[in-house]
Amino acid sequence: MDYSRIIEDLQQASLFDLYRLRVAISQQLESPQRIREIKSRLRPGQTITYFNGAENRLVKAQVIKLKRH
């Protein structure tokens, strides 16, 4: 994805459109099916990257332990 382009487009969006996008994104992030799919691919010892929002960067990490609920 071209994040620079997305940010440019978002700067032109109305507050109503931004709210609708926030709701849609939240639904995707909280989707039980998506979460299950990701968890099923994780393995102890696996190297992963995740996005740290506070630092605005990708962080490299290793899966130590999985809690499957």
Protein backbone atom coordinates (compact mmCIF):
# COMPACT_ATOMS: atom_id res chain seq x y z
CA MET A 1 0.00 0.00 0.00
CA ASP A 2 1.11 3.54 -0.68
CA TYR A 3 0.74 5.01 2.81
CA SER A 4 1.83 8.47 1.69
CA ARG A 5 -1.02 8.53 -0.80
CA ILE A 6 -3.48 7.26 1.79
CA ILE A 7 -2.45 10.04 4.21
CA GLU A 8 -2.85 12.63 1.46
CA ASP A 9 -6.33 11.33 0.66
CA LEU A 10 -7.31 11.25 4.34
CA GLN A 11 -6.34 14.90 4.73
CA GLN A 12 -9.02 15.72 2.16
CA ALA A 13 -11.70 13.51 3.74
CA SER A 14 -14.60 14.88 5.76
CA LEU A 15 -14.92 14.06 9.45
CA PHE A 16 -17.91 11.88 8.54
CA ASP A 17 -15.81 9.88 6.06
CA LEU A 18 -12.98 9.56 8.58
CA TYR A 19 -15.40 8.25 11.19
CA ARG A 20 -16.84 5.69 8.75
CA LEU A 21 -13.32 4.54 7.91
CA ARG A 22 -12.42 4.27 11.60
CA VAL A 23 -15.45 2.06 12.24
CA ALA A 24 -14.67 -0.14 9.22
CA ILE A 25 -11.00 -0.51 10.22
CA SER A 26 -11.94 -1.31 13.83
CA GLN A 27 -14.29 -4.03 12.63
CA GLN A 28 -11.50 -5.60 10.58
CA LEU A 29 -8.97 -5.36 13.42
CA GLU A 30 -11.41 -7.01 15.83
CA SER A 31 -12.62 -9.69 13.41
CA PRO A 32 -12.49 -13.06 15.23
CA GLN A 33 -11.88 -14.85 11.93
CA ARG A 34 -8.88 -12.66 11.07
CA ILE A 35 -7.47 -13.05 14.58
CA ARG A 36 -7.85 -16.85 14.42
CA GLU A 37 -6.12 -16.95 11.02
CA ILE A 38 -3.14 -14.99 12.34
CA LYS A 39 -2.87 -17.02 15.55
CA SER A 40 -2.97 -20.28 13.59
CA ARG A 41 0.16 -19.23 11.67
CA LEU A 42 2.23 -18.30 14.73
CA ARG A 43 4.79 -20.74 16.15
CA PRO A 44 7.17 -20.47 19.12
CA GLY A 45 10.59 -19.37 17.92
CA GLN A 46 9.16 -17.65 14.85
CA THR A 47 10.58 -14.24 13.96
CA ILE A 48 7.88 -11.64 13.34
CA THR A 49 7.53 -7.91 12.88
CA TYR A 50 4.82 -5.77 14.41
CA PHE A 51 3.95 -2.10 14.19
CA ASN A 52 4.60 0.00 17.29
CA GLY A 53 2.19 2.92 17.01
CA ALA A 54 3.85 4.94 19.78
CA GLU A 55 7.17 4.83 17.93
CA ASN A 56 5.63 4.79 14.42
CA ARG A 57 7.88 1.95 13.27
CA LEU A 58 8.09 -1.78 12.66
CA VAL A 59 9.69 -3.81 15.44
CA LYS A 60 11.37 -7.18 14.92
CA ALA A 61 10.52 -9.76 17.60
CA GLN A 62 10.47 -13.47 18.29
CA VAL A 63 7.44 -15.47 19.43
CA ILE A 64 8.27 -16.96 22.83
CA LYS A 65 4.99 -18.47 23.97
CA LEU A 66 1.45 -18.75 22.63
CA LYS A 67 -1.71 -18.57 24.68
CA ARG A 68 -4.46 -20.25 22.71
CA HIS A 69 -7.87 -19.47 24.16
